[in-house]
């Protein structure tokens, strides 16, 4: 389960970088959205 979550989070983070997020604020928001998706997946 932890492995799956780690892969999911890494994938989301990579996608956020590839989508053109060029500011620290935008990166933080993308990471937060990724964390929320992981929380929903865990429930």
PDB file of N, CA and C in Angstrom:
ATOM      1  N   UNK A   1       0.826  -1.196   0.000  1.00  0.00           N
ATOM      2  CA  UNK A   1       0.000   0.000   0.000  1.00  0.00           C
ATOM      3  C   UNK A   1       0.868   1.256   0.000  1.00  0.00           C
ATOM      4  N   UNK A   2       1.912   1.270   0.844  1.00  0.00           N
ATOM      5  CA  UNK A   2       2.795   2.438   0.891  1.00  0.00           C
ATOM      6  C   UNK A   2       3.501   2.642  -0.437  1.00  0.00           C
ATOM      7  N   UNK A   3       3.885   1.540  -1.069  1.00  0.00           N
ATOM      8  CA  UNK A   3       4.555   1.630  -2.362  1.00  0.00           C
ATOM      9  C   UNK A   3       3.638   2.264  -3.400  1.00  0.00           C
ATOM     10  N   UNK A   4       2.371   1.849  -3.395  1.00  0.00           N
ATOM     11  CA  UNK A   4       1.408   2.394  -4.349  1.00  0.00           C
ATOM     12  C   UNK A   4       1.207   3.896  -4.124  1.00  0.00           C
ATOM     13  N   UNK A   5       1.113   4.314  -2.878  1.00  0.00           N
ATOM     14  CA  UNK A   5       0.948   5.731  -2.580  1.00  0.00           C
ATOM     15  C   UNK A   5       2.178   6.524  -2.982  1.00  0.00           C
ATOM     16  N   UNK A   6       3.359   5.962  -2.755  1.00  0.00           N
ATOM     17  CA  UNK A   6       4.588   6.649  -3.138  1.00  0.00           C
ATOM     18  C   UNK A   6       4.660   6.826  -4.654  1.00  0.00           C
ATOM     19  N   UNK A   7       4.287   5.793  -5.385  1.00  0.00           N
ATOM     20  CA  UNK A   7       4.293   5.882  -6.847  1.00  0.00           C
ATOM     21  C   UNK A   7       3.270   6.905  -7.323  1.00  0.00           C
ATOM     22  N   UNK A   8       2.108   6.898  -6.715  1.00  0.00           N
ATOM     23  CA  UNK A   8       1.067   7.859  -7.082  1.00  0.00           C
ATOM     24  C   UNK A   8       1.526   9.288  -6.823  1.00  0.00           C
ATOM     25  N   UNK A   9       2.110   9.522  -5.650  1.00  0.00           N
ATOM     26  CA  UNK A   9       2.565  10.872  -5.315  1.00  0.00           C
ATOM     27  C   UNK A   9       3.687  11.311  -6.253  1.00  0.00           C
ATOM     28  N   UNK A  10       4.618  10.433  -6.541  1.00  0.00           N
ATOM     29  CA  UNK A  10       5.700  10.770  -7.462  1.00  0.00           C
ATOM     30  C   UNK A  10       5.153  11.079  -8.853  1.00  0.00           C
ATOM     31  N   UNK A  11       4.172  10.310  -9.285  1.00  0.00           N
ATOM     32  CA  UNK A  11       3.561  10.548 -10.591  1.00  0.00           C
ATOM     33  C   UNK A  11       2.863  11.899 -10.636  1.00  0.00           C
ATOM     34  N   UNK A  12       2.119  12.212  -9.592  1.00  0.00           N
ATOM     35  CA  UNK A  12       1.429  13.501  -9.542  1.00  0.00           C
ATOM     36  C   UNK A  12       2.414  14.661  -9.521  1.00  0.00           C
ATOM     37  N   UNK A  13       3.480  14.505  -8.758  1.00  0.00           N
ATOM     38  CA  UNK A  13       4.491  15.553  -8.683  1.00  0.00           C
ATOM     39  C   UNK A  13       5.159  15.749 -10.040  1.00  0.00           C
ATOM     40  N   UNK A  14       5.489  14.657 -10.710  1.00  0.00           N
ATOM     41  CA  UNK A  14       6.113  14.732 -12.027  1.00  0.00           C
ATOM     42  C   UNK A  14       5.185  15.397 -13.031  1.00  0.00           C
ATOM     43  N   UNK A  15       3.920  15.017 -12.995  1.00  0.00           N
ATOM     44  CA  UNK A  15       2.958  15.632 -13.909  1.00  0.00           C
ATOM     45  C   UNK A  15       2.821  17.127 -13.649  1.00  0.00           C
ATOM     46  N   UNK A  16       2.860  17.522 -12.381  1.00  0.00           N
ATOM     47  CA  UNK A  16       2.746  18.948 -12.070  1.00  0.00           C
ATOM     48  C   UNK A  16       3.947  19.714 -12.614  1.00  0.00           C
ATOM     49  N   UNK A  17       5.132  19.102 -12.555  1.00  0.00           N
ATOM     50  CA  UNK A  17       6.309  19.770 -13.100  1.00  0.00           C
ATOM     51  C   UNK A  17       6.237  19.857 -14.620  1.00  0.00           C
ATOM     52  N   UNK A  18       5.754  18.806 -15.246  1.00  0.00           N
ATOM     53  CA  UNK A  18       5.676  18.785 -16.701  1.00  0.00           C
ATOM     54  C   UNK A  18       4.575  19.694 -17.246  1.00  0.00           C
ATOM     55  N   UNK A  19       3.612  20.017 -16.406  1.00  0.00           N
ATOM     56  CA  UNK A  19       2.493  20.831 -16.891  1.00  0.00           C
ATOM     57  C   UNK A  19       2.829  22.319 -16.938  1.00  0.00           C
ATOM     58  N   UNK A  20       4.044  22.678 -16.615  1.00  0.00           N
ATOM     59  CA  UNK A  20       4.459  24.066 -16.748  1.00  0.00           C
ATOM     60  C   UNK A  20       4.344  24.873 -15.480  1.00  0.00           C
ATOM     61  N   UNK A  21       4.321  24.228 -14.361  1.00  0.00           N
ATOM     62  CA  UNK A  21       4.253  24.946 -13.089  1.00  0.00           C
ATOM     63  C   UNK A  21       5.621  25.562 -12.842  1.00  0.00           C
ATOM     64  N   UNK A  22       5.746  26.880 -13.006  1.00  0.00           N
ATOM     65  CA  UNK A  22       7.068  27.503 -12.915  1.00  0.00           C
ATOM     66  C   UNK A  22       7.225  28.415 -11.699  1.00  0.00           C
ATOM     67  N   UNK A  23       6.305  28.377 -10.768  1.00  0.00           N
ATOM     68  CA  UNK A  23       6.454  29.182  -9.566  1.00  0.00           C
ATOM     69  C   UNK A  23       6.379  28.290  -8.341  1.00  0.00           C
ATOM     70  N   UNK A  24       7.008  28.722  -7.269  1.00  0.00           N
ATOM     71  CA  UNK A  24       6.987  27.945  -6.031  1.00  0.00           C
ATOM     72  C   UNK A  24       5.565  27.838  -5.493  1.00  0.00           C
ATOM     73  N   UNK A  25       4.799  28.911  -5.591  1.00  0.00           N
ATOM     74  CA  UNK A  25       3.418  28.876  -5.111  1.00  0.00           C
ATOM     75  C   UNK A  25       2.607  27.851  -5.893  1.00  0.00           C
ATOM     76  N   UNK A  26       2.754  27.854  -7.198  1.00  0.00           N
ATOM     77  CA  UNK A  26       2.040  26.899  -8.041  1.00  0.00           C
ATOM     78  C   UNK A  26       2.463  25.472  -7.745  1.00  0.00           C
ATOM     79  N   UNK A  27       3.758  25.275  -7.511  1.00  0.00           N
ATOM     80  CA  UNK A  27       4.250  23.933  -7.182  1.00  0.00           C
ATOM     81  C   UNK A  27       3.653  23.469  -5.861  1.00  0.00           C
ATOM     82  N   UNK A  28       3.580  24.371  -4.884  1.00  0.00           N
ATOM     83  CA  UNK A  28       2.982  24.022  -3.590  1.00  0.00           C
ATOM     84  C   UNK A  28       1.528  23.643  -3.724  1.00  0.00           C
ATOM     85  N   UNK A  29       0.803  24.370  -4.547  1.00  0.00           N
ATOM     86  CA  UNK A  29      -0.611  24.052  -4.761  1.00  0.00           C
ATOM     87  C   UNK A  29      -0.763  22.691  -5.439  1.00  0.00           C
ATOM     88  N   UNK A  30       0.100  22.401  -6.403  1.00  0.00           N
ATOM     89  CA  UNK A  30       0.034  21.111  -7.086  1.00  0.00           C
ATOM     90  C   UNK A  30       0.347  19.968  -6.122  1.00  0.00           C
ATOM     91  N   UNK A  31       1.342  20.174  -5.278  1.00  0.00           N
ATOM     92  CA  UNK A  31       1.699  19.144  -4.298  1.00  0.00           C
ATOM     93  C   UNK A  31       0.552  18.938  -3.315  1.00  0.00           C
ATOM     94  N   UNK A  32      -0.081  20.035  -2.908  1.00  0.00           N
ATOM     95  CA  UNK A  32      -1.223  19.932  -1.996  1.00  0.00           C
ATOM     96  C   UNK A  32      -2.358  19.138  -2.639  1.00  0.00           C
ATOM     97  N   UNK A  33      -2.636  19.417  -3.908  1.00  0.00           N
ATOM     98  CA  UNK A  33      -3.680  18.669  -4.611  1.00  0.00           C
ATOM     99  C   UNK A  33      -3.325  17.186  -4.707  1.00  0.00           C
ATOM    100  N   UNK A  34      -2.049  16.900  -4.910  1.00  0.00           N
ATOM    101  CA  UNK A  34      -1.603  15.514  -4.946  1.00  0.00           C
ATOM    102  C   UNK A  34      -1.813  14.823  -3.611  1.00  0.00           C
ATOM    103  N   UNK A  35      -1.514  15.539  -2.523  1.00  0.00           N
ATOM    104  CA  UNK A  35      -1.737  14.988  -1.184  1.00  0.00           C
ATOM    105  C   UNK A  35      -3.208  14.735  -0.920  1.00  0.00           C
ATOM    106  N   UNK A  36      -4.052  15.642  -1.370  1.00  0.00           N
ATOM    107  CA  UNK A  36      -5.498  15.456  -1.190  1.00  0.00           C
ATOM    108  C   UNK A  36      -5.989  14.244  -1.976  1.00  0.00           C
ATOM    109  N   UNK A  37      -5.446  14.043  -3.158  1.00  0.00           N
ATOM    110  CA  UNK A  37      -5.840  12.876  -3.955  1.00  0.00           C
ATOM    111  C   UNK A  37      -5.432  11.589  -3.266  1.00  0.00           C
ATOM    112  N   UNK A  38      -4.261  11.603  -2.650  1.00  0.00           N
ATOM    113  CA  UNK A  38      -3.793  10.412  -1.910  1.00  0.00           C
ATOM    114  C   UNK A  38      -4.699  10.151  -0.719  1.00  0.00           C
ATOM    115  N   UNK A  39      -5.099  11.210  -0.017  1.00  0.00           N
ATOM    116  CA  UNK A  39      -5.991  11.045   1.133  1.00  0.00           C
ATOM    117  C   UNK A  39      -7.324  10.450   0.685  1.00  0.00           C
ATOM    118  N   UNK A  40      -7.866  10.931  -0.427  1.00  0.00           N
ATOM    119  CA  UNK A  40      -9.135  10.388  -0.928  1.00  0.00           C
ATOM    120  C   UNK A  40      -8.967   8.931  -1.303  1.00  0.00           C
ATOM    121  N   UNK A  41      -7.826   8.581  -1.885  1.00  0.00           N
ATOM    122  CA  UNK A  41      -7.556   7.205  -2.295  1.00  0.00           C
ATOM    123  C   UNK A  41      -7.474   6.295  -1.069  1.00  0.00           C
ATOM    124  N   UNK A  42      -6.918   6.812   0.023  1.00  0.00           N
ATOM    125  CA  UNK A  42      -6.720   6.002   1.233  1.00  0.00           C
ATOM    126  C   UNK A  42      -8.042   5.751   1.965  1.00  0.00           C
ATOM    127  N   UNK A  43      -9.016   6.602   1.775  1.00  0.00           N
ATOM    128  CA  UNK A  43     -10.305   6.451   2.464  1.00  0.00           C
ATOM    129  C   UNK A  43     -11.095   5.402   1.823  1.00  0.00           C
TER     130      UNK A  43
END
